[in-house]
Protein backbone atom coordinates (compact mmCIF):
# COMPACT_ATOMS: atom_id res chain seq x y z
CA MET A 1 43.37 8.44 -7.72
CA THR A 2 40.14 8.99 -4.86
CA PRO A 3 40.38 6.87 -1.38
CA GLU A 4 38.09 3.98 -1.24
CA LEU A 5 35.88 4.47 2.00
CA ARG A 6 37.86 0.97 3.33
CA HIS A 7 41.31 3.28 3.61
CA LEU A 8 39.14 6.28 5.55
CA ARG A 9 37.72 3.71 7.93
CA TYR A 10 40.90 2.62 8.67
CA PHE A 11 42.56 5.87 8.64
CA VAL A 12 39.78 7.15 11.30
CA ALA A 13 40.45 3.88 13.34
CA VAL A 14 44.05 4.81 13.66
CA ALA A 15 43.56 8.34 14.69
CA GLU A 16 40.88 7.54 17.33
CA HIS A 17 43.11 5.08 18.92
CA LEU A 18 46.57 6.97 18.16
CA SER A 19 47.98 2.88 17.92
CA PHE A 20 47.98 0.84 14.77
CA THR A 21 47.94 -2.24 17.52
CA VAL A 22 44.16 -1.26 18.69
CA ALA A 23 42.86 -0.31 15.40
CA ALA A 24 44.12 -3.69 14.12
CA ARG A 25 42.50 -5.51 16.60
CA GLU A 26 39.28 -3.38 16.43
CA LEU A 27 39.25 -3.68 12.32
CA HIS A 28 40.23 -7.65 12.53
CA ILE A 29 43.19 -7.19 10.42
CA ALA A 30 46.73 -8.01 10.73
CA GLN A 31 48.80 -4.96 11.95
CA GLN A 32 51.13 -4.93 9.10
CA SER A 33 48.23 -5.21 6.73
CA LEU A 34 46.44 -2.03 8.06
CA SER A 35 49.88 -0.20 7.68
CA GLN A 36 50.10 -1.04 4.32
CA GLN A 37 46.53 0.43 3.34
CA ILE A 38 47.53 3.61 5.57
CA ALA A 39 50.65 3.94 3.80
CA ALA A 40 48.81 3.45 0.05
CA LEU A 41 46.34 6.27 1.44
CA GLU A 42 48.83 8.42 2.01
CA HIS A 43 50.60 7.53 -1.37
CA THR A 44 46.98 8.28 -2.71
CA LEU A 45 46.75 11.98 -0.90
CA GLY A 46 50.77 12.86 -1.41
CA ALA A 47 51.34 13.55 2.69
CA ARG A 48 51.74 11.60 5.86
CA LEU A 49 48.92 11.34 8.16
CA PHE A 50 50.46 10.30 11.10
CA ASP A 51 54.29 10.52 12.71
CA ARG A 52 55.21 7.10 14.46
CA ASP A 53 58.54 7.34 16.77
CA THR A 54 59.35 6.01 19.96
CA ARG A 55 57.04 8.19 21.81
CA GLY A 56 53.98 6.39 19.71
CA THR A 57 51.56 7.83 16.92
CA ARG A 58 50.67 11.16 16.35
CA LEU A 59 48.26 12.69 13.74
CA THR A 60 50.11 15.34 11.32
CA GLU A 61 48.86 18.73 10.55
CA ILE A 62 47.66 17.27 7.55
CA GLY A 63 46.15 14.15 9.27
CA ARG A 64 44.20 16.68 11.80
CA VAL A 65 42.54 18.59 8.70
CA PHE A 66 41.66 15.11 6.97
CA LEU A 67 39.85 13.50 10.02
CA PRO A 68 36.72 15.72 10.19
CA GLU A 69 36.28 15.31 6.37
CA ALA A 70 37.09 11.81 6.54
CA HIS A 71 34.04 11.13 9.39
CA ALA A 72 31.94 13.48 7.74
CA VAL A 73 32.63 10.69 4.12
CA LEU A 74 32.20 7.69 6.44
CA ASP A 75 29.09 9.21 8.02
CA ARG A 76 27.34 10.11 4.53
CA ALA A 77 28.13 6.69 3.25
CA ASP A 78 26.54 5.01 6.60
CA ALA A 79 23.28 6.98 6.34
CA ALA A 80 23.21 6.10 2.27
CA LEU A 81 23.19 2.85 3.44
CA ARG A 82 20.79 2.75 6.08
CA ALA A 83 17.87 4.95 3.83
CA ALA A 84 18.60 2.48 1.65
CA ARG A 85 18.13 -0.32 3.62
CA ARG A 86 14.63 1.29 5.12
CA ALA A 87 13.85 1.52 1.38
CA VAL A 88 14.47 -2.33 1.18
CA ARG A 89 12.10 -2.86 3.73
CA GLY A 90 9.45 -0.64 2.73
CA GLU A 91 9.90 2.06 4.99
CA THR A 92 10.40 5.34 3.04
CA GLY A 93 9.34 6.09 -0.73
CA ARG A 94 5.90 6.33 -1.53
CA LEU A 95 2.82 4.76 -2.00
CA ARG A 96 0.04 5.52 -4.21
CA LEU A 97 -3.86 4.19 -3.62
CA ALA A 98 -6.65 4.17 -5.30
CA PHE A 99 -9.98 3.19 -3.65
CA LEU A 100 -13.09 2.47 -5.39
CA VAL A 101 -15.73 5.08 -5.02
CA SER A 102 -18.24 2.72 -3.38
CA THR A 103 -15.76 1.63 -0.29
CA ALA A 104 -13.60 4.64 -0.20
CA ASN A 105 -16.52 6.29 2.25
CA TYR A 106 -15.52 3.22 4.94
CA MET A 107 -12.34 1.84 4.41
CA MET A 108 -10.39 4.59 3.14
CA PRO A 109 -9.80 6.64 6.53
CA PRO A 110 -8.74 3.68 8.80
CA VAL A 111 -6.46 1.87 6.23
CA VAL A 112 -4.58 5.39 5.35
CA ARG A 113 -4.55 6.16 9.15
CA ALA A 114 -3.18 2.66 10.34
CA PHE A 115 -0.22 2.46 7.34
CA ARG A 116 0.66 6.26 8.03
CA GLN A 117 0.94 5.61 11.73
CA ARG A 118 3.00 2.42 11.15
CA TYR A 119 5.46 3.56 8.23
CA PRO A 120 5.22 7.64 8.85
CA ASP A 121 8.08 8.42 6.62
CA VAL A 122 6.50 6.62 3.56
CA GLU A 123 5.05 9.24 1.11
CA LEU A 124 1.30 7.76 0.98
CA SER A 125 -1.21 9.02 -1.35
CA ALA A 126 -4.72 8.23 -1.63
CA GLU A 127 -8.16 8.66 -4.06
CA ALA A 128 -11.63 7.87 -4.48
CA VAL A 129 -11.89 6.39 -8.36
CA GLY A 130 -14.09 4.09 -10.14
CA ILE A 131 -13.36 0.86 -11.21
CA ALA A 132 -12.18 1.40 -14.76
CA ASP A 133 -9.76 3.99 -13.59
CA LEU A 134 -8.66 1.95 -11.17
CA VAL A 135 -7.91 -0.94 -12.91
CA ALA A 136 -5.97 1.33 -15.80
CA GLY A 137 -4.36 2.73 -13.33
CA LEU A 138 -2.87 -0.17 -11.34
CA ARG A 139 -1.56 -1.57 -15.14
CA GLU A 140 -0.42 1.85 -16.00
CA ASP A 141 1.48 1.91 -13.03
CA ARG A 142 -0.53 5.34 -11.98
CA TYR A 143 -1.38 3.38 -8.12
CA ASP A 144 0.63 1.04 -6.46
CA ALA A 145 -2.57 -0.76 -5.07
CA ALA A 146 -6.09 -0.28 -4.74
CA PHE A 147 -8.67 -1.63 -2.77
CA THR A 148 -11.62 -2.34 -4.32
CA ARG A 149 -14.28 -5.33 -5.47
CA PRO A 150 -12.69 -8.29 -7.35
CA PRO A 151 -12.21 -6.65 -10.85
CA LEU A 152 -12.55 -9.97 -12.26
CA VAL A 153 -9.73 -9.56 -14.22
CA ASP A 154 -6.62 -11.85 -14.96
CA ASP A 155 -3.88 -9.54 -15.22
CA LEU A 156 -4.11 -8.10 -11.38
CA GLU A 157 -3.19 -10.09 -8.45
CA THR A 158 -5.57 -9.39 -5.39
CA GLU A 159 -5.89 -10.50 -1.86
CA ALA A 160 -9.19 -10.90 0.13
CA LEU A 161 -9.69 -8.80 2.62
CA VAL A 162 -13.44 -9.02 3.93
CA SER A 163 -16.59 -10.57 3.16
CA GLU A 164 -20.10 -8.77 3.64
CA PRO A 165 -23.78 -10.05 2.82
CA VAL A 166 -25.29 -8.84 -0.63
CA CYS A 167 -29.07 -7.10 0.09
CA ALA A 168 -31.67 -6.16 -1.77
CA VAL A 169 -32.04 -2.53 -1.86
CA LEU A 170 -35.73 -1.44 -1.34
CA PRO A 171 -37.66 1.88 -1.15
CA THR A 172 -38.99 2.51 2.52
CA GLY A 173 -42.57 1.03 3.12
CA HIS A 174 -41.68 -1.32 -0.01
CA PRO A 175 -43.61 -4.80 0.65
CA LEU A 176 -40.55 -7.01 0.83
CA ALA A 177 -39.25 -4.08 3.16
CA GLY A 178 -40.11 -6.39 6.36
CA ARG A 179 -38.59 -9.73 5.12
CA PRO A 180 -35.60 -10.61 7.52
CA GLY A 181 -34.23 -12.27 4.32
CA LEU A 182 -35.14 -12.76 0.39
CA ARG A 183 -33.76 -14.72 -2.50
CA LEU A 184 -32.78 -13.37 -5.86
CA ALA A 185 -35.56 -14.97 -7.04
CA ASP A 186 -38.25 -13.14 -5.14
CA LEU A 187 -37.32 -9.57 -6.83
CA ALA A 188 -38.46 -11.04 -10.56
CA ALA A 189 -40.81 -8.98 -11.18
CA GLU A 190 -39.52 -5.52 -10.07
CA PRO A 191 -38.84 -3.15 -11.82
CA TRP A 192 -34.44 -2.86 -11.38
CA VAL A 193 -32.22 0.25 -11.30
CA LEU A 194 -28.42 -0.83 -11.84
CA THR A 195 -25.28 0.84 -13.45
CA SER A 196 -24.61 1.35 -16.69
CA ARG A 197 -23.28 -1.72 -18.59
CA GLY A 198 -19.94 -0.23 -20.11
CA SER A 199 -19.14 1.01 -16.44
CA TRP A 200 -17.01 -2.19 -16.31
CA PRO A 201 -18.53 -5.16 -18.50
CA PRO A 202 -16.46 -7.96 -16.22
CA TRP A 203 -18.92 -7.13 -13.36
CA HIS A 204 -22.24 -7.06 -15.82
CA ARG A 205 -21.42 -10.69 -16.95
CA LYS A 206 -21.32 -11.58 -13.42
CA TYR A 207 -24.44 -9.92 -12.74
CA ASP A 208 -26.18 -11.49 -16.28
CA ASP A 209 -25.22 -14.89 -14.57
CA ASP A 210 -26.60 -14.40 -10.97
CA PHE A 211 -29.92 -13.24 -12.50
CA ARG A 212 -29.86 -15.91 -14.95
CA ALA A 213 -29.54 -18.89 -11.87
CA ALA A 214 -32.41 -17.17 -10.28
CA GLY A 215 -34.20 -17.76 -13.30
CA PHE A 216 -34.93 -14.19 -14.75
CA GLU A 217 -33.72 -11.60 -16.52
CA PRO A 218 -34.40 -7.88 -14.38
CA ARG A 219 -36.77 -5.35 -16.02
CA VAL A 220 -34.23 -2.72 -16.26
CA VAL A 221 -35.99 0.92 -15.65
CA GLN A 222 -32.79 3.16 -15.52
CA ARG A 223 -29.66 3.20 -15.60
CA ALA A 224 -27.13 5.07 -13.04
CA ASP A 225 -23.49 6.22 -13.26
CA GLY A 226 -22.69 5.13 -9.63
CA VAL A 227 -23.86 3.55 -6.28
CA PRO A 228 -24.57 6.84 -4.52
CA SER A 229 -26.95 7.61 -7.93
CA LEU A 230 -28.93 4.28 -7.35
CA LEU A 231 -29.26 4.69 -3.83
CA GLY A 232 -30.73 8.06 -5.07
CA LEU A 233 -33.28 6.51 -7.52
CA VAL A 234 -34.43 3.58 -4.79
CA ALA A 235 -34.93 6.07 -2.21
CA ALA A 236 -37.04 7.98 -4.87
CA GLY A 237 -39.33 4.81 -5.90
CA VAL A 238 -38.04 4.44 -9.10
CA GLY A 239 -36.91 0.23 -8.34
CA VAL A 240 -35.07 -1.94 -6.93
CA THR A 241 -31.44 -2.85 -6.83
CA ARG A 242 -28.96 -5.05 -5.13
CA LEU A 243 -25.69 -3.96 -3.27
CA ALA A 244 -23.29 -4.88 -0.73
CA ARG A 245 -24.15 -4.13 3.00
CA SER A 246 -21.77 -1.19 3.24
CA ALA A 247 -23.33 0.47 0.49
CA HIS A 248 -26.10 1.87 3.52
CA SER A 249 -23.29 4.37 4.71
CA LEU A 250 -24.01 6.40 1.46
CA ARG A 251 -27.44 6.73 2.47
CA ARG A 252 -28.99 5.97 5.75
CA THR A 253 -32.81 7.30 4.72
CA GLY A 254 -35.32 6.27 2.15
CA VAL A 255 -34.24 2.85 2.22
CA VAL A 256 -34.31 -0.76 3.47
CA PHE A 257 -31.32 -3.10 2.97
CA VAL A 258 -32.16 -6.58 3.56
CA PRO A 259 -30.00 -9.61 2.74
CA LEU A 260 -29.92 -12.12 -0.24
CA ALA A 261 -29.57 -15.51 0.99
CA GLY A 262 -26.19 -17.11 -0.08
CA ASP A 263 -25.25 -14.02 -1.72
CA ARG A 264 -22.03 -12.33 -0.43
CA ALA A 265 -19.19 -9.33 -1.50
CA GLU A 266 -15.85 -9.39 -1.27
CA THR A 267 -13.35 -6.80 -1.01
CA VAL A 268 -9.80 -7.09 -2.13
CA VAL A 269 -6.69 -5.20 -2.21
CA ALA A 270 -5.37 -5.56 -6.17
CA TRP A 271 -1.98 -4.61 -7.13
CA SER A 272 0.15 -5.64 -10.57
CA ALA A 273 2.17 -8.93 -9.88
CA THR A 274 4.54 -6.67 -11.91
CA ARG A 275 5.48 -4.14 -9.86
CA ASP A 276 5.19 -6.28 -6.32
CA ARG A 277 7.38 -3.60 -4.28
CA GLN A 278 8.01 -4.37 -0.71
CA VAL A 279 6.08 -1.14 0.57
CA VAL A 280 2.92 -2.74 -1.20
CA ARG A 281 3.63 -6.20 0.71
CA ASN A 282 3.54 -3.90 3.56
CA LEU A 283 0.70 -2.35 3.32
CA ARG A 284 -0.99 -5.68 2.34
CA ALA A 285 0.00 -7.05 5.85
CA VAL A 286 -0.96 -3.59 7.84
CA ALA A 287 -4.64 -4.21 5.89
CA ALA A 288 -4.93 -7.92 6.68
CA GLU A 289 -4.11 -6.86 10.21
CA LEU A 290 -6.72 -4.10 10.44
CA ALA A 291 -9.40 -6.35 8.83
CA SER A 292 -8.83 -8.79 11.44
CA SER A 293 -9.31 -6.35 14.29
CA ILE A 294 -12.12 -4.33 12.86
CA ASP A 295 -15.00 -4.53 10.56
CA LEU A 296 -13.89 -2.61 7.92
CA THR A 297 -17.31 -2.86 6.46
CA GLU A 298 -18.60 -0.31 9.45
CA ALA A 299 -15.46 1.52 9.66
CA GLY A 300 -14.68 5.08 8.36
């Protein structure tokens, strides 16, 4: 039979004080009960651990050999408990993050840096991905959390971090580029460049609703595979587009961003409700704190 941890703790307490009376008081148990537990441990080992006589309590030779081993076992058990408690608090383990490609340039550095500083023992990985892979990764447990535009799906949880203006993106020198602001309807006659409709259908259904509310259907002259390509097409004069203001960090020349009245874009942290781990809750707290102290749309 293997001794229980409590037996080892009782033995170590008596061995350290060489007194059943003092050890019992420290352990908050009756001295008689302590003596019985030590006797049970000695029976399990098949050897006496203490000599007791009128001169006091002394470790036997077996007791002296057993003491450092008992200490080692107890220390390892305490370390295991501490490790488990840290994991429960989300202070260790791993965290796999995805950042929407169009937000990674400015959002990934401050978020990753802040989380690493707060939780240095969490193994953190981060990558920039497209929206379809981001959502699939959350659903398939390849990512624990993601920073993205609202994916507009029902099976993921989201929490808003920042809100920013949506802008018309025009080529430098465009007749409307000098305006302080525009309405979407002001761009009804313009050629448009947009991402592929298959890139993320929920977003394109939302775009359709927005254009419909503005009273027109855009004349799309070219589709692109992402925001950097859209910006390049606008700079080349192929057409205009509509993006969150923070997209200007991806291209500083050749384009002008003009705010669209009443149009805003959110960045959210998203996660699967079925896998809401403490480390993800810690991430959300760090991100919210960061968003309240700096402009994450201008960070990087």
